[in-house]
């Protein structure tokens, strides 16, 4: 249990740092519930972490009813990562890295964080948990499922953000998907 909590803390830190150091300063868009939280941040100046919690509630209620172990395992990751995302928000004002560097670095950090959390059977938000449940039922790699959910959010963001940012956001999501797939695949081999 202690090892799992350490993995959740480290994964949450990676996600929060990736979002606040690289994603928000360049108005990049992640996928899934995190991406929707970022859309809410950019368009309505809402706190992304709090938005992620609120939007994840339906998926967690579904998990509570049908896969209670995923609910118990995931709720910690959701709350801790969302808390860190909002706690570290002041870092988004410290400096801005070039947009391509941000897409690659942010994608790597977020992918590592998500992959670590999924490896520990936890998640940072609703679509990660949903992908984990679908993966269990279908044996499709969870990173691939997250990738397709992320594409949907990017298409939504296409309507709200300049195209240049969407292009770099798409690069970041590919990096997140590859990194998450690599981390979760390593866990399958052990």
Protein backbone atom coordinates (compact mmCIF):
# COMPACT_ATOMS: atom_id res chain seq x y z
CA UNK A 1 0.00 0.00 0.00
CA UNK A 2 2.83 2.42 0.82
CA UNK A 3 4.58 1.61 -2.48
CA UNK A 4 1.35 2.27 -4.37
CA UNK A 5 0.86 5.65 -2.65
CA UNK A 6 4.45 6.65 -3.48
CA UNK A 7 3.86 5.74 -7.15
CA UNK A 8 0.62 7.77 -7.15
CA UNK A 9 2.41 10.76 -5.58
CA UNK A 10 5.31 10.63 -8.06
CA UNK A 11 2.97 10.09 -11.03
CA UNK A 12 0.78 12.98 -9.88
CA UNK A 13 3.82 15.22 -9.53
CA UNK A 14 4.94 14.37 -13.08
CA UNK A 15 1.48 15.18 -14.44
CA UNK A 16 1.18 18.45 -12.49
CA UNK A 17 4.68 19.59 -13.46
CA UNK A 18 4.10 18.70 -17.11
CA UNK A 19 0.86 20.64 -17.19
CA UNK A 20 2.09 23.70 -15.32
CA UNK A 21 5.62 24.02 -16.74
CA UNK A 22 4.91 23.12 -20.36
CA UNK A 23 1.21 22.86 -21.25
CA UNK A 24 -0.48 25.92 -19.72
CA UNK A 25 2.23 28.49 -20.58
CA UNK A 26 1.93 27.57 -24.28
CA UNK A 27 -1.84 27.03 -24.26
CA UNK A 28 -1.39 23.43 -25.31
CA UNK A 29 -4.22 21.00 -24.93
CA UNK A 30 -4.03 17.53 -23.43
CA UNK A 31 -6.66 14.92 -24.14
CA UNK A 32 -9.31 13.29 -22.00
CA UNK A 33 -10.72 14.87 -18.88
CA UNK A 34 -7.45 16.73 -18.28
CA UNK A 35 -7.84 18.31 -21.72
CA UNK A 36 -11.40 19.32 -20.99
CA UNK A 37 -10.15 20.83 -17.70
CA UNK A 38 -7.59 22.81 -19.71
CA UNK A 39 -10.27 23.99 -22.16
CA UNK A 40 -12.24 25.23 -19.12
CA UNK A 41 -9.07 26.98 -17.87
CA UNK A 42 -8.39 28.68 -21.19
CA UNK A 43 -11.97 29.70 -21.98
CA UNK A 44 -13.49 30.37 -18.54
CA UNK A 45 -10.40 30.70 -16.29
CA UNK A 46 -11.61 27.81 -14.12
CA UNK A 47 -9.22 25.77 -11.98
CA UNK A 48 -8.29 22.77 -14.11
CA UNK A 49 -7.79 20.39 -11.16
CA UNK A 50 -11.21 21.12 -9.69
CA UNK A 51 -12.80 20.84 -13.14
CA UNK A 52 -11.12 17.45 -13.64
CA UNK A 53 -12.62 16.19 -10.36
CA UNK A 54 -16.12 17.39 -11.25
CA UNK A 55 -16.01 15.96 -14.78
CA UNK A 56 -14.62 12.63 -13.53
CA UNK A 57 -17.47 12.05 -11.07
CA UNK A 58 -19.76 10.16 -13.53
CA UNK A 59 -17.00 7.71 -14.46
CA UNK A 60 -16.11 7.16 -10.80
CA UNK A 61 -19.76 6.58 -9.95
CA UNK A 62 -19.88 3.98 -12.74
CA UNK A 63 -16.73 2.36 -11.32
CA UNK A 64 -18.28 2.43 -7.83
CA UNK A 65 -21.25 0.47 -9.13
CA UNK A 66 -19.52 -2.00 -11.49
CA UNK A 67 -15.80 -2.22 -10.70
CA UNK A 68 -15.47 -1.08 -7.12
CA UNK A 69 -11.78 -1.98 -6.88
CA UNK A 70 -11.05 0.50 -9.69
CA UNK A 71 -13.01 3.16 -7.83
CA UNK A 72 -10.98 2.63 -4.66
CA UNK A 73 -7.72 2.44 -6.60
CA UNK A 74 -8.48 5.45 -8.81
CA UNK A 75 -9.97 7.98 -6.43
CA UNK A 76 -6.63 8.63 -4.74
CA UNK A 77 -4.91 9.34 -8.07
CA UNK A 78 -7.70 11.65 -9.19
CA UNK A 79 -7.71 13.69 -5.98
CA UNK A 80 -3.93 13.88 -5.57
CA UNK A 81 -3.13 14.73 -9.19
CA UNK A 82 -5.93 17.32 -9.39
CA UNK A 83 -4.73 18.88 -6.12
CA UNK A 84 -1.14 19.08 -7.42
CA UNK A 85 -2.29 20.54 -10.76
CA UNK A 86 -3.98 23.44 -8.98
CA UNK A 87 -1.28 23.73 -6.27
CA UNK A 88 1.54 24.05 -8.81
CA UNK A 89 -0.36 26.48 -11.04
CA UNK A 90 1.97 29.39 -10.05
CA UNK A 91 4.75 27.55 -11.92
CA UNK A 92 2.91 28.25 -15.17
CA UNK A 93 3.85 31.92 -14.78
CA UNK A 94 7.55 31.34 -14.05
CA UNK A 95 8.87 30.79 -17.55
CA UNK A 96 7.83 29.64 -20.96
CA UNK A 97 9.75 27.10 -22.99
CA UNK A 98 9.51 27.02 -26.80
CA UNK A 99 6.29 25.37 -27.93
CA UNK A 100 7.89 22.28 -29.55
CA UNK A 101 10.09 21.72 -26.49
CA UNK A 102 6.98 22.09 -24.33
CA UNK A 103 5.01 19.60 -26.42
CA UNK A 104 7.78 17.00 -26.19
CA UNK A 105 8.76 17.59 -22.55
CA UNK A 106 5.20 18.03 -21.29
CA UNK A 107 4.09 14.93 -23.20
CA UNK A 108 6.91 12.87 -21.72
CA UNK A 109 6.24 13.99 -18.14
CA UNK A 110 2.48 13.53 -18.42
CA UNK A 111 2.89 10.16 -20.15
CA UNK A 112 5.28 8.97 -17.44
CA UNK A 113 2.88 10.11 -14.73
CA UNK A 114 -0.16 8.52 -16.34
CA UNK A 115 1.74 5.33 -17.12
CA UNK A 116 3.05 5.02 -13.57
CA UNK A 117 -0.40 5.56 -12.13
CA UNK A 118 -2.02 3.06 -14.51
CA UNK A 119 0.73 0.58 -13.70
CA UNK A 120 -0.29 0.96 -10.04
CA UNK A 121 -3.96 0.44 -11.10
CA UNK A 122 -4.78 4.08 -10.41
CA UNK A 123 -5.59 7.03 -12.67
CA UNK A 124 -5.51 10.81 -12.82
CA UNK A 125 -8.99 11.34 -14.19
CA UNK A 126 -12.12 9.92 -15.69
CA UNK A 127 -10.91 8.89 -19.15
CA UNK A 128 -7.86 7.09 -17.74
CA UNK A 129 -10.13 5.08 -15.47
CA UNK A 130 -12.57 4.47 -18.32
CA UNK A 131 -9.69 3.30 -20.55
CA UNK A 132 -8.46 1.02 -17.77
CA UNK A 133 -11.91 -0.59 -17.46
CA UNK A 134 -12.28 -0.98 -21.25
CA UNK A 135 -8.75 -2.42 -21.46
CA UNK A 136 -9.61 -5.02 -18.84
CA UNK A 137 -12.70 -6.07 -20.80
CA UNK A 138 -11.11 -6.04 -24.28
CA UNK A 139 -7.34 -6.60 -23.75
CA UNK A 140 -6.63 -3.49 -25.88
CA UNK A 141 -3.57 -1.62 -24.56
CA UNK A 142 -4.71 1.14 -22.23
CA UNK A 143 -2.33 3.65 -23.85
CA UNK A 144 -3.98 3.11 -27.24
CA UNK A 145 -7.44 3.65 -25.76
CA UNK A 146 -6.32 6.86 -24.06
CA UNK A 147 -4.81 8.01 -27.36
CA UNK A 148 -8.15 7.74 -29.17
CA UNK A 149 -10.02 9.48 -26.35
CA UNK A 150 -7.41 12.25 -26.48
CA UNK A 151 -7.95 12.73 -30.21
CA UNK A 152 -11.63 13.39 -29.51
CA UNK A 153 -10.76 16.17 -27.06
CA UNK A 154 -8.24 17.65 -29.50
CA UNK A 155 -10.98 17.84 -32.12
CA UNK A 156 -13.14 19.66 -29.58
CA UNK A 157 -10.24 22.00 -28.83
CA UNK A 158 -9.83 22.65 -32.55
CA UNK A 159 -13.04 24.67 -32.33
CA UNK A 160 -11.78 26.81 -29.44
CA UNK A 161 -8.05 27.36 -29.97
CA UNK A 162 -5.70 28.59 -32.70
CA UNK A 163 -4.67 25.86 -35.15
CA UNK A 164 -0.95 26.21 -34.40
CA UNK A 165 -1.56 25.21 -30.78
CA UNK A 166 -3.68 22.26 -31.85
CA UNK A 167 -0.85 20.99 -34.06
CA UNK A 168 1.63 21.08 -31.17
CA UNK A 169 -1.01 19.67 -28.83
CA UNK A 170 -1.41 16.74 -31.21
CA UNK A 171 2.36 16.17 -31.10
CA UNK A 172 2.21 16.21 -27.31
CA UNK A 173 -0.66 13.71 -27.25
CA UNK A 174 1.27 11.33 -29.50
CA UNK A 175 4.21 11.57 -27.05
CA UNK A 176 1.85 10.97 -24.11
CA UNK A 177 0.35 7.93 -25.85
CA UNK A 178 3.74 6.44 -26.74
CA UNK A 179 5.15 7.05 -23.26
CA UNK A 180 2.05 5.70 -21.51
CA UNK A 181 2.02 2.63 -23.77
CA UNK A 182 5.70 2.00 -23.10
CA UNK A 183 5.30 2.28 -19.33
CA UNK A 184 2.16 0.12 -19.20
CA UNK A 185 3.65 -2.46 -21.59
CA UNK A 186 6.68 -2.80 -19.34
CA UNK A 187 4.35 -3.58 -16.47
CA UNK A 188 2.70 -6.35 -18.55
CA UNK A 189 6.04 -8.09 -19.09
CA UNK A 190 6.88 -8.29 -15.39
